[in-house]
Amino acid sequence: MFSIDKQPSEIAILLAEKIRVLRKEKGYSQSELSERTGVSLGSVKRFEQSGQISLGSLLKIVHLLDKLSDFENILNPPKMDAKTMKKLFKS
């Protein structure tokens, strides 16, 4: 099946690459990132290589890198006007 949308594994790798760049910009080694976040060094290395990590560990890492607020707006419902809201709550 052909799709122009990225697959979840591709998004995971892109996210890992962005995190690695941020980590290096902040001057953290993988070991220091691990120590400061409480995420095991093995998990940090695996994430940067494969994109695989638990959500909890990812949130700890992005918190240290001052990007936690970027995750607050993920999956927010679309903004609706008053007319649309009335339609939704009409019985």
N, C-alpha and C. Protein backbone atom coordinates (compact mmCIF):
# COMPACT_ATOMS: atom_id res chain seq x y z
N MET A 1 0.83 -1.18 0.00
CA MET A 1 0.00 0.00 0.00
C MET A 1 0.88 1.25 0.00
N PHE A 2 0.57 2.17 -0.86
CA PHE A 2 1.34 3.40 -0.99
C PHE A 2 0.65 4.54 -0.25
N SER A 3 1.42 5.31 0.46
CA SER A 3 0.87 6.45 1.19
C SER A 3 1.91 7.56 1.22
N ILE A 4 1.44 8.80 1.08
CA ILE A 4 2.37 9.92 1.19
C ILE A 4 2.55 10.34 2.65
N ASP A 5 1.65 9.88 3.51
CA ASP A 5 1.77 10.16 4.94
C ASP A 5 2.91 9.32 5.52
N LYS A 6 3.57 9.88 6.50
CA LYS A 6 4.64 9.15 7.17
C LYS A 6 4.04 8.05 8.06
N GLN A 7 4.77 6.99 8.19
CA GLN A 7 4.39 5.89 9.06
C GLN A 7 4.82 6.23 10.49
N PRO A 8 4.19 5.60 11.51
CA PRO A 8 4.58 5.87 12.89
C PRO A 8 6.07 5.66 13.15
N SER A 9 6.66 4.65 12.56
CA SER A 9 8.09 4.40 12.78
C SER A 9 8.94 5.54 12.21
N GLU A 10 8.50 6.12 11.10
CA GLU A 10 9.23 7.25 10.52
C GLU A 10 9.13 8.49 11.41
N ILE A 11 7.95 8.72 11.97
CA ILE A 11 7.76 9.85 12.89
C ILE A 11 8.62 9.67 14.13
N ALA A 12 8.69 8.44 14.64
CA ALA A 12 9.50 8.15 15.83
C ALA A 12 10.97 8.46 15.58
N ILE A 13 11.47 8.08 14.41
CA ILE A 13 12.87 8.36 14.07
C ILE A 13 13.11 9.86 13.94
N LEU A 14 12.19 10.57 13.30
CA LEU A 14 12.33 12.03 13.17
C LEU A 14 12.32 12.71 14.53
N LEU A 15 11.45 12.26 15.41
CA LEU A 15 11.38 12.82 16.75
C LEU A 15 12.69 12.56 17.51
N ALA A 16 13.21 11.35 17.38
CA ALA A 16 14.48 11.01 18.04
C ALA A 16 15.61 11.90 17.53
N GLU A 17 15.62 12.15 16.23
CA GLU A 17 16.66 13.02 15.65
C GLU A 17 16.55 14.44 16.20
N LYS A 18 15.32 14.94 16.30
CA LYS A 18 15.12 16.29 16.84
C LYS A 18 15.57 16.37 18.30
N ILE A 19 15.24 15.34 19.07
CA ILE A 19 15.64 15.31 20.48
C ILE A 19 17.16 15.27 20.60
N ARG A 20 17.81 14.46 19.76
CA ARG A 20 19.27 14.37 19.78
C ARG A 20 19.89 15.75 19.49
N VAL A 21 19.36 16.46 18.51
CA VAL A 21 19.87 17.80 18.18
C VAL A 21 19.68 18.73 19.37
N LEU A 22 18.49 18.72 19.97
CA LEU A 22 18.24 19.57 21.15
C LEU A 22 19.18 19.23 22.30
N ARG A 23 19.38 17.93 22.52
CA ARG A 23 20.28 17.49 23.60
C ARG A 23 21.67 18.06 23.38
N LYS A 24 22.16 17.96 22.16
CA LYS A 24 23.50 18.45 21.86
C LYS A 24 23.57 19.97 21.93
N GLU A 25 22.52 20.66 21.50
CA GLU A 25 22.49 22.13 21.59
C GLU A 25 22.56 22.58 23.05
N LYS A 26 21.94 21.82 23.93
CA LYS A 26 21.96 22.15 25.36
C LYS A 26 23.25 21.70 26.04
N GLY A 27 24.08 20.96 25.30
CA GLY A 27 25.38 20.53 25.83
C GLY A 27 25.33 19.29 26.70
N TYR A 28 24.27 18.49 26.59
CA TYR A 28 24.16 17.27 27.39
C TYR A 28 24.69 16.06 26.63
N SER A 29 25.48 15.26 27.31
CA SER A 29 25.84 13.95 26.77
C SER A 29 24.65 13.02 27.02
N GLN A 30 24.67 11.87 26.39
CA GLN A 30 23.61 10.89 26.66
C GLN A 30 23.60 10.51 28.14
N SER A 31 24.79 10.35 28.70
CA SER A 31 24.90 9.98 30.13
C SER A 31 24.33 11.05 31.04
N GLU A 32 24.64 12.31 30.74
CA GLU A 32 24.14 13.40 31.56
C GLU A 32 22.62 13.53 31.43
N LEU A 33 22.10 13.36 30.22
CA LEU A 33 20.66 13.38 30.01
C LEU A 33 20.00 12.29 30.84
N SER A 34 20.59 11.12 30.83
CA SER A 34 20.08 9.99 31.60
C SER A 34 20.04 10.31 33.09
N GLU A 35 21.15 10.82 33.60
CA GLU A 35 21.24 11.14 35.02
C GLU A 35 20.24 12.21 35.43
N ARG A 36 20.11 13.25 34.62
CA ARG A 36 19.23 14.37 34.98
C ARG A 36 17.75 14.04 34.86
N THR A 37 17.41 13.07 34.00
CA THR A 37 15.99 12.74 33.79
C THR A 37 15.54 11.50 34.55
N GLY A 38 16.49 10.66 34.93
CA GLY A 38 16.13 9.39 35.55
C GLY A 38 15.76 8.32 34.53
N VAL A 39 15.96 8.61 33.26
CA VAL A 39 15.73 7.64 32.18
C VAL A 39 17.04 6.88 32.01
N SER A 40 16.96 5.56 31.94
CA SER A 40 18.19 4.76 31.86
C SER A 40 18.99 5.13 30.62
N LEU A 41 20.30 4.99 30.73
CA LEU A 41 21.18 5.29 29.61
C LEU A 41 20.84 4.40 28.42
N GLY A 42 20.52 3.15 28.68
CA GLY A 42 20.14 2.24 27.61
C GLY A 42 18.91 2.73 26.87
N SER A 43 17.94 3.26 27.61
CA SER A 43 16.72 3.79 26.97
C SER A 43 17.03 5.01 26.12
N VAL A 44 17.91 5.88 26.61
CA VAL A 44 18.29 7.07 25.85
C VAL A 44 18.98 6.65 24.55
N LYS A 45 19.93 5.73 24.65
CA LYS A 45 20.64 5.27 23.46
C LYS A 45 19.69 4.59 22.47
N ARG A 46 18.82 3.73 22.98
CA ARG A 46 17.86 3.02 22.11
C ARG A 46 16.94 4.03 21.41
N PHE A 47 16.48 5.02 22.15
CA PHE A 47 15.61 6.03 21.57
C PHE A 47 16.30 6.77 20.43
N GLU A 48 17.52 7.22 20.67
CA GLU A 48 18.22 7.98 19.64
C GLU A 48 18.56 7.13 18.41
N GLN A 49 18.67 5.82 18.59
CA GLN A 49 18.99 4.94 17.46
C GLN A 49 17.75 4.46 16.73
N SER A 50 16.67 4.18 17.50
CA SER A 50 15.51 3.52 16.88
C SER A 50 14.21 4.31 16.97
N GLY A 51 14.17 5.32 17.84
CA GLY A 51 12.94 6.06 18.05
C GLY A 51 12.00 5.40 19.06
N GLN A 52 12.41 4.29 19.63
CA GLN A 52 11.57 3.55 20.58
C GLN A 52 11.83 4.02 22.01
N ILE A 53 10.75 4.44 22.70
CA ILE A 53 10.85 4.90 24.09
C ILE A 53 9.45 4.94 24.67
N SER A 54 9.35 4.81 25.98
CA SER A 54 8.04 4.93 26.61
C SER A 54 7.62 6.40 26.64
N LEU A 55 6.33 6.61 26.69
CA LEU A 55 5.82 7.99 26.73
C LEU A 55 6.34 8.70 27.98
N GLY A 56 6.33 8.02 29.11
CA GLY A 56 6.81 8.63 30.35
C GLY A 56 8.26 9.09 30.25
N SER A 57 9.10 8.25 29.68
CA SER A 57 10.51 8.61 29.51
C SER A 57 10.67 9.76 28.53
N LEU A 58 9.91 9.73 27.45
CA LEU A 58 9.98 10.82 26.48
C LEU A 58 9.59 12.15 27.13
N LEU A 59 8.55 12.13 27.94
CA LEU A 59 8.11 13.37 28.59
C LEU A 59 9.16 13.88 29.57
N LYS A 60 9.85 12.99 30.27
CA LYS A 60 10.94 13.41 31.17
C LYS A 60 12.05 14.10 30.38
N ILE A 61 12.38 13.53 29.24
CA ILE A 61 13.45 14.09 28.41
C ILE A 61 13.06 15.45 27.86
N VAL A 62 11.86 15.57 27.29
CA VAL A 62 11.47 16.86 26.71
C VAL A 62 11.28 17.92 27.80
N HIS A 63 10.94 17.50 29.01
CA HIS A 63 10.85 18.44 30.13
C HIS A 63 12.22 19.06 30.41
N LEU A 64 13.23 18.21 30.48
CA LEU A 64 14.59 18.71 30.71
C LEU A 64 15.04 19.64 29.58
N LEU A 65 14.61 19.34 28.37
CA LEU A 65 15.01 20.14 27.21
C LEU A 65 14.10 21.34 26.96
N ASP A 66 13.24 21.64 27.93
CA ASP A 66 12.33 22.80 27.87
C ASP A 66 11.38 22.75 26.68
N LYS A 67 10.90 21.56 26.35
CA LYS A 67 9.97 21.41 25.23
C LYS A 67 8.68 20.70 25.66
N LEU A 68 8.45 20.56 26.95
CA LEU A 68 7.25 19.87 27.42
C LEU A 68 5.98 20.58 26.97
N SER A 69 6.01 21.89 26.91
CA SER A 69 4.82 22.64 26.49
C SER A 69 4.42 22.30 25.05
N ASP A 70 5.37 21.84 24.23
CA ASP A 70 5.05 21.44 22.86
C ASP A 70 4.07 20.26 22.84
N PHE A 71 4.08 19.46 23.89
CA PHE A 71 3.22 18.28 23.95
C PHE A 71 1.82 18.60 24.49
N GLU A 72 1.66 19.75 25.10
CA GLU A 72 0.36 20.11 25.68
C GLU A 72 -0.72 20.31 24.64
N ASN A 73 -0.34 20.69 23.44
CA ASN A 73 -1.33 20.99 22.40
C ASN A 73 -1.58 19.84 21.43
N ILE A 74 -0.91 18.72 21.66
CA ILE A 74 -1.12 17.56 20.78
C ILE A 74 -2.52 17.02 21.00
N LEU A 75 -3.21 16.77 19.93
CA LEU A 75 -4.53 16.15 19.92
C LEU A 75 -5.63 17.02 20.53
N ASN A 76 -5.43 18.32 20.58
CA ASN A 76 -6.50 19.21 21.04
C ASN A 76 -7.66 19.16 20.05
N PRO A 77 -8.89 19.23 20.53
CA PRO A 77 -10.02 19.26 19.61
C PRO A 77 -10.00 20.56 18.81
N PRO A 78 -10.58 20.55 17.62
CA PRO A 78 -10.61 21.78 16.82
C PRO A 78 -11.43 22.85 17.52
N LYS A 79 -11.09 24.09 17.26
CA LYS A 79 -11.86 25.21 17.84
C LYS A 79 -13.20 25.30 17.11
N MET A 80 -14.24 25.56 17.88
CA MET A 80 -15.58 25.64 17.28
C MET A 80 -16.21 26.98 17.61
N ASP A 81 -17.02 27.44 16.69
CA ASP A 81 -17.76 28.66 16.95
C ASP A 81 -19.00 28.34 17.79
N ALA A 82 -19.68 29.36 18.27
CA ALA A 82 -20.83 29.19 19.15
C ALA A 82 -21.96 28.40 18.48
N LYS A 83 -22.17 28.62 17.21
CA LYS A 83 -23.24 27.93 16.48
C LYS A 83 -22.98 26.42 16.45
N THR A 84 -21.75 26.04 16.18
CA THR A 84 -21.39 24.62 16.16
C THR A 84 -21.53 24.01 17.54
N MET A 85 -21.13 24.73 18.56
CA MET A 85 -21.24 24.24 19.94
C MET A 85 -22.70 23.99 20.31
N LYS A 86 -23.60 24.90 19.91
CA LYS A 86 -25.02 24.72 20.20
C LYS A 86 -25.55 23.47 19.53
N LYS A 87 -25.13 23.20 18.32
CA LYS A 87 -25.56 22.00 17.61
C LYS A 87 -25.11 20.75 18.33
N LEU A 88 -23.91 20.75 18.86
CA LEU A 88 -23.40 19.57 19.56
C LEU A 88 -24.17 19.27 20.83
N PHE A 89 -24.62 20.31 21.53
CA PHE A 89 -25.27 20.11 22.81
C PHE A 89 -26.79 20.17 22.74
N LYS A 90 -27.33 20.26 21.55
CA LYS A 90 -28.76 20.22 21.36
C LYS A 90 -29.26 18.79 21.57
N SER A 91 -30.38 18.62 22.25
CA SER A 91 -30.87 17.25 22.44
C SER A 91 -31.92 16.86 21.46
